[in-house]
Amino acid sequence: QVQLVESGGGVVQTGGSLTLACTFYGPRFAEHGMTWYRQYATSRPMVARIAAAGNPTYADAVEGRFTLSRYNAKSTTYLRMDNRKPEESGLYFCNLLLRDTDYWGQGTQVIVSS
């Protein structure tokens, strides 16, 4: 059974750092890219994406402050978020496309306190 599990959410002060993790339980993690999203009231914009080859791309708003990496031996990606801003509070999800099916984790809550 394919599953994604996020972890690492919590409360961080403005300007602080937090690292989220997403572990993939499924086949051949190294062959797939993974994307992180943040849930707002009416939208779920992409935050960062990492290809199977390990090349990350970022939304403009987080470029230079967020770092997405992957550790294939643990089937996990890590989203390090530095210099947090209050408007970045929300539920963070990871996503992986496998055989034309989108898989989502349950989300991990991040609160940036001002």
C-alpha atoms as a PDB file:
ATOM      1  CA  GLN A   1       0.000   0.000   0.000  1.00  0.00           C
ATOM      2  CA  VAL A   2       1.400   3.350  -1.031  1.00  0.00           C
ATOM      3  CA  GLN A   3       1.522   5.966   1.706  1.00  0.00           C
ATOM      4  CA  LEU A   4       3.132   9.316   2.412  1.00  0.00           C
ATOM      5  CA  VAL A   5       3.727  10.458   5.970  1.00  0.00           C
ATOM      6  CA  GLU A   6       4.750  13.995   6.882  1.00  0.00           C
ATOM      7  CA  SER A   7       6.347  14.981  10.153  1.00  0.00           C
ATOM      8  CA  GLY A   8       8.184  17.835  11.802  1.00  0.00           C
ATOM      9  CA  GLY A   9       5.450  20.427  12.082  1.00  0.00           C
ATOM     10  CA  GLY A  10       5.092  22.653  15.095  1.00  0.00           C
ATOM     11  CA  VAL A  11       5.365  26.200  16.317  1.00  0.00           C
ATOM     12  CA  VAL A  12       8.271  28.380  15.281  1.00  0.00           C
ATOM     13  CA  GLN A  13       8.906  32.045  15.886  1.00  0.00           C
ATOM     14  CA  THR A  14       9.132  34.552  13.089  1.00  0.00           C
ATOM     15  CA  GLY A  15      12.608  34.384  11.657  1.00  0.00           C
ATOM     16  CA  GLY A  16      13.162  30.915  13.023  1.00  0.00           C
ATOM     17  CA  SER A  17      13.766  27.604  11.274  1.00  0.00           C
ATOM     18  CA  LEU A  18      11.893  24.356  10.984  1.00  0.00           C
ATOM     19  CA  THR A  19      12.495  21.173   9.016  1.00  0.00           C
ATOM     20  CA  LEU A  20       9.674  18.995   7.724  1.00  0.00           C
ATOM     21  CA  ALA A  21      10.071  15.434   6.528  1.00  0.00           C
ATOM     22  CA  CYS A  22       8.004  13.280   4.189  1.00  0.00           C
ATOM     23  CA  THR A  23       8.550   9.539   4.085  1.00  0.00           C
ATOM     24  CA  PHE A  24       7.296   7.469   1.179  1.00  0.00           C
ATOM     25  CA  TYR A  25       6.094   3.922   1.782  1.00  0.00           C
ATOM     26  CA  GLY A  26       5.966   2.422  -1.657  1.00  0.00           C
ATOM     27  CA  PRO A  27       8.040   1.158  -4.538  1.00  0.00           C
ATOM     28  CA  ARG A  28      11.189   2.687  -6.005  1.00  0.00           C
ATOM     29  CA  PHE A  29      11.229   6.048  -4.269  1.00  0.00           C
ATOM     30  CA  ALA A  30      14.461   6.989  -6.047  1.00  0.00           C
ATOM     31  CA  GLU A  31      12.634   6.995  -9.382  1.00  0.00           C
ATOM     32  CA  HIS A  32      10.076   9.631  -8.381  1.00  0.00           C
ATOM     33  CA  GLY A  33       9.983  13.317  -7.749  1.00  0.00           C
ATOM     34  CA  MET A  34       8.154  14.799  -4.786  1.00  0.00           C
ATOM     35  CA  THR A  35       6.368  18.084  -4.275  1.00  0.00           C
ATOM     36  CA  TRP A  36       5.504  20.047  -1.141  1.00  0.00           C
ATOM     37  CA  TYR A  37       2.395  22.231  -0.922  1.00  0.00           C
ATOM     38  CA  ARG A  38       0.953  24.605   1.632  1.00  0.00           C
ATOM     39  CA  GLN A  39      -2.788  24.621   2.261  1.00  0.00           C
ATOM     40  CA  TYR A  40      -4.570  27.923   2.510  1.00  0.00           C
ATOM     41  CA  ALA A  41      -8.299  28.463   2.888  1.00  0.00           C
ATOM     42  CA  THR A  42      -9.008  28.262  -0.825  1.00  0.00           C
ATOM     43  CA  SER A  43      -5.778  27.199  -2.460  1.00  0.00           C
ATOM     44  CA  ARG A  44      -2.858  24.821  -2.167  1.00  0.00           C
ATOM     45  CA  PRO A  45       0.138  26.401  -3.865  1.00  0.00           C
ATOM     46  CA  MET A  46       3.354  24.551  -4.539  1.00  0.00           C
ATOM     47  CA  VAL A  47       6.178  25.370  -2.137  1.00  0.00           C
ATOM     48  CA  ALA A  48       9.020  23.269  -3.503  1.00  0.00           C
ATOM     49  CA  ARG A  49       9.625  20.298  -5.744  1.00  0.00           C
ATOM     50  CA  ILE A  50      12.495  17.873  -6.074  1.00  0.00           C
ATOM     51  CA  ALA A  51      13.078  15.684  -9.085  1.00  0.00           C
ATOM     52  CA  ALA A  52      14.164  12.076  -8.982  1.00  0.00           C
ATOM     53  CA  ALA A  53      17.628  13.249  -9.944  1.00  0.00           C
ATOM     54  CA  GLY A  54      17.640  15.506  -6.896  1.00  0.00           C
ATOM     55  CA  ASN A  55      17.226  18.923  -8.517  1.00  0.00           C
ATOM     56  CA  PRO A  56      14.980  21.144  -6.387  1.00  0.00           C
ATOM     57  CA  THR A  57      12.864  24.064  -7.564  1.00  0.00           C
ATOM     58  CA  TYR A  58      11.092  26.584  -5.366  1.00  0.00           C
ATOM     59  CA  ALA A  59       8.211  28.987  -5.374  1.00  0.00           C
ATOM     60  CA  ASP A  60       9.435  32.561  -5.745  1.00  0.00           C
ATOM     61  CA  ALA A  61       8.260  33.466  -2.249  1.00  0.00           C
ATOM     62  CA  VAL A  62      10.528  30.918  -0.572  1.00  0.00           C
ATOM     63  CA  GLU A  63      13.526  30.921  -2.913  1.00  0.00           C
ATOM     64  CA  GLY A  64      16.688  31.429  -0.884  1.00  0.00           C
ATOM     65  CA  ARG A  65      15.028  30.558   2.437  1.00  0.00           C
ATOM     66  CA  PHE A  66      13.798  26.998   1.918  1.00  0.00           C
ATOM     67  CA  THR A  67      15.937  23.990   1.060  1.00  0.00           C
ATOM     68  CA  LEU A  68      14.462  20.742  -0.200  1.00  0.00           C
ATOM     69  CA  SER A  69      16.606  17.625  -0.225  1.00  0.00           C
ATOM     70  CA  ARG A  70      16.096  13.907  -0.510  1.00  0.00           C
ATOM     71  CA  TYR A  71      17.631  10.867   1.138  1.00  0.00           C
ATOM     72  CA  ASN A  72      16.766   7.916  -1.044  1.00  0.00           C
ATOM     73  CA  ALA A  73      18.056   5.329   1.434  1.00  0.00           C
ATOM     74  CA  LYS A  74      15.267   6.421   3.786  1.00  0.00           C
ATOM     75  CA  SER A  75      12.691   7.218   1.063  1.00  0.00           C
ATOM     76  CA  THR A  76      12.378  10.646   2.603  1.00  0.00           C
ATOM     77  CA  THR A  77      12.524  14.273   1.558  1.00  0.00           C
ATOM     78  CA  TYR A  78      13.406  17.084   3.946  1.00  0.00           C
ATOM     79  CA  LEU A  79      12.105  20.608   3.641  1.00  0.00           C
ATOM     80  CA  ARG A  80      14.201  22.994   5.676  1.00  0.00           C
ATOM     81  CA  MET A  81      12.495  26.334   6.139  1.00  0.00           C
ATOM     82  CA  ASP A  82      14.556  29.287   7.368  1.00  0.00           C
ATOM     83  CA  ASN A  83      13.585  32.839   8.234  1.00  0.00           C
ATOM     84  CA  ARG A  84       9.931  31.925   8.674  1.00  0.00           C
ATOM     85  CA  LYS A  85       7.164  34.445   8.162  1.00  0.00           C
ATOM     86  CA  PRO A  86       3.762  34.480   9.926  1.00  0.00           C
ATOM     87  CA  GLU A  87       1.876  34.285   6.620  1.00  0.00           C
ATOM     88  CA  GLU A  88       3.546  30.943   5.996  1.00  0.00           C
ATOM     89  CA  SER A  89       1.576  29.246   8.749  1.00  0.00           C
ATOM     90  CA  GLY A  90      -0.589  26.443   7.501  1.00  0.00           C
ATOM     91  CA  LEU A  91      -0.903  22.774   6.768  1.00  0.00           C
ATOM     92  CA  TYR A  92       1.958  21.430   4.671  1.00  0.00           C
ATOM     93  CA  PHE A  93       1.477  18.418   2.430  1.00  0.00           C
ATOM     94  CA  CYS A  94       3.789  16.291   0.342  1.00  0.00           C
ATOM     95  CA  ASN A  95       2.719  14.747  -2.914  1.00  0.00           C
ATOM     96  CA  LEU A  96       4.041  12.044  -5.193  1.00  0.00           C
ATOM     97  CA  LEU A  97       2.761  10.952  -8.588  1.00  0.00           C
ATOM     98  CA  LEU A  98       2.973   7.203  -9.100  1.00  0.00           C
ATOM     99  CA  ARG A  99       1.523   5.440 -12.132  1.00  0.00           C
ATOM    100  CA  ASP A 100      -0.806   8.360 -12.932  1.00  0.00           C
ATOM    101  CA  THR A 101      -2.125   8.470  -9.365  1.00  0.00           C
ATOM    102  CA  ASP A 102      -1.505  11.388  -7.012  1.00  0.00           C
ATOM    103  CA  TYR A 103      -0.642  10.366  -3.486  1.00  0.00           C
ATOM    104  CA  TRP A 104      -0.869  12.799  -0.592  1.00  0.00           C
ATOM    105  CA  GLY A 105       0.205  12.677   2.987  1.00  0.00           C
ATOM    106  CA  GLN A 106      -2.068  13.681   5.840  1.00  0.00           C
ATOM    107  CA  GLY A 107      -0.319  17.012   6.278  1.00  0.00           C
ATOM    108  CA  THR A 108       1.703  18.524   9.073  1.00  0.00           C
ATOM    109  CA  GLN A 109       0.728  21.785  10.758  1.00  0.00           C
ATOM    110  CA  VAL A 110       3.147  24.692  10.961  1.00  0.00           C
ATOM    111  CA  ILE A 111       2.470  27.791  13.009  1.00  0.00           C
ATOM    112  CA  VAL A 112       4.757  30.777  12.703  1.00  0.00           C
ATOM    113  CA  SER A 113       4.238  33.000  15.708  1.00  0.00           C
ATOM    114  CA  SER A 114       4.820  36.717  15.436  1.00  0.00           C
END
